[in-house]
Protein backbone atom coordinates (compact mmCIF):
# COMPACT_ATOMS: atom_id res chain seq x y z
CA UNK A 1 -22.91 86.43 -51.35
CA UNK A 2 -27.04 86.93 -50.93
CA UNK A 3 -27.93 83.01 -50.99
CA UNK A 4 -25.41 83.09 -47.89
CA UNK A 5 -27.06 85.50 -46.28
CA UNK A 6 -29.84 84.57 -43.95
CA UNK A 7 -28.72 81.25 -42.56
CA UNK A 8 -30.47 79.91 -39.79
CA UNK A 9 -28.34 77.34 -37.42
CA UNK A 10 -30.42 74.74 -36.77
CA UNK A 11 -30.74 72.09 -34.71
CA UNK A 12 -27.39 70.40 -33.71
CA UNK A 13 -26.86 66.30 -34.10
CA UNK A 14 -26.88 64.64 -30.93
CA UNK A 15 -28.66 67.63 -29.09
CA UNK A 16 -32.71 68.71 -27.95
CA UNK A 17 -30.98 72.49 -28.88
CA UNK A 18 -31.46 74.52 -31.97
CA UNK A 19 -30.26 77.99 -32.21
CA UNK A 20 -30.80 80.36 -34.28
CA UNK A 21 -28.26 83.69 -34.98
CA UNK A 22 -28.65 86.48 -37.53
CA UNK A 23 -25.00 87.03 -38.53
CA UNK A 24 -23.96 91.03 -39.12
CA UNK A 25 -21.91 89.72 -42.55
CA UNK A 26 -21.22 86.46 -44.50
CA UNK A 27 -18.72 86.67 -47.29
CA UNK A 28 -16.61 84.59 -49.43
CA UNK A 29 -12.93 85.62 -49.78
CA UNK A 30 -10.81 86.14 -52.85
CA UNK A 31 -8.88 82.43 -51.46
CA UNK A 32 -12.37 80.75 -51.55
CA UNK A 33 -13.02 80.96 -47.65
CA UNK A 34 -15.85 81.24 -45.65
CA UNK A 35 -15.36 84.99 -43.65
CA UNK A 36 -17.84 85.53 -40.42
CA UNK A 37 -17.31 88.77 -39.83
CA UNK A 38 -19.10 90.40 -36.22
CA UNK A 39 -19.26 93.92 -35.61
CA UNK A 40 -19.01 95.07 -31.90
CA UNK A 41 -19.96 98.42 -30.50
CA UNK A 42 -18.72 98.13 -26.98
CA UNK A 43 -15.90 99.89 -25.08
CA UNK A 44 -14.09 96.75 -24.33
CA UNK A 45 -10.97 95.48 -25.97
CA UNK A 46 -10.59 91.91 -25.85
CA UNK A 47 -7.61 90.24 -25.83
CA UNK A 48 -6.15 87.29 -28.55
CA UNK A 49 -7.08 84.80 -26.07
CA UNK A 50 -10.88 85.55 -25.71
CA UNK A 51 -11.48 85.65 -29.08
CA UNK A 52 -9.72 82.21 -29.72
CA UNK A 53 -12.24 80.60 -27.04
CA UNK A 54 -15.33 82.59 -28.06
CA UNK A 55 -18.47 80.45 -28.28
CA UNK A 56 -20.66 83.02 -30.80
CA UNK A 57 -18.60 82.72 -33.87
CA UNK A 58 -17.93 79.32 -33.47
CA UNK A 59 -21.64 78.50 -33.15
CA UNK A 60 -22.15 80.66 -36.63
CA UNK A 61 -18.96 78.24 -38.52
CA UNK A 62 -20.54 75.14 -36.89
CA UNK A 63 -24.14 76.56 -38.54
CA UNK A 64 -22.77 78.01 -41.71
CA UNK A 65 -20.52 74.56 -42.55
CA UNK A 66 -23.62 72.15 -41.80
CA UNK A 67 -25.78 73.64 -45.18
CA UNK A 68 -22.19 74.87 -46.70
CA UNK A 69 -19.96 71.83 -46.58
CA UNK A 70 -17.54 73.64 -49.27
CA UNK A 71 -16.64 75.91 -46.39
CA UNK A 72 -14.11 74.39 -45.46
CA UNK A 73 -11.77 76.93 -44.54
CA UNK A 74 -13.81 79.82 -41.97
CA UNK A 75 -11.81 82.78 -40.82
CA UNK A 76 -13.66 84.32 -37.57
CA UNK A 77 -13.66 88.66 -38.07
CA UNK A 78 -14.46 90.65 -35.22
CA UNK A 79 -14.52 94.49 -35.91
CA UNK A 80 -13.97 96.63 -32.97
CA UNK A 81 -15.91 99.97 -33.64
CA UNK A 82 -14.34 102.18 -30.46
CA UNK A 83 -10.88 101.09 -31.69
CA UNK A 84 -10.78 101.09 -35.05
CA UNK A 85 -9.83 97.49 -35.44
CA UNK A 86 -10.01 94.15 -36.56
CA UNK A 87 -9.30 91.02 -34.80
CA UNK A 88 -9.20 87.47 -36.35
CA UNK A 89 -9.44 84.07 -35.05
CA UNK A 90 -10.22 80.46 -36.82
CA UNK A 91 -11.24 77.34 -35.20
CA UNK A 92 -10.29 73.36 -36.52
CA UNK A 93 -13.21 70.67 -36.63
CA UNK A 94 -11.99 69.26 -33.22
CA UNK A 95 -12.17 72.99 -31.51
CA UNK A 96 -15.86 73.24 -32.20
CA UNK A 97 -16.89 69.90 -31.14
CA UNK A 98 -15.88 71.07 -28.01
CA UNK A 99 -17.74 74.10 -28.46
CA UNK A 100 -21.15 72.19 -28.29
CA UNK A 101 -19.86 69.82 -25.81
CA UNK A 102 -19.26 72.65 -23.39
CA UNK A 103 -22.75 74.41 -24.90
CA UNK A 104 -24.75 72.01 -23.86
CA UNK A 105 -24.05 72.44 -20.02
């Protein structure tokens, strides 16, 4: 998906903040869902509840869905290198609205 690989997240509507991030990997799954992959090399193993509240990939999702409205379903995927495992999460539009509100402070 080279057309999706160099995304700037841009300015968030209603804020004075702009956000620029580098997505490790953005892919289109066979079922048509977009997947945002992040590779972590740290020694800590997060619990699912932490990932479900993680702001980094939630902001990436917002940044992906802005220029590509066809990205209706987005999966967030963490690759935890130290544990040779993968963990996943997903966000609703309502949850991402909360991320934007709390990121303003």
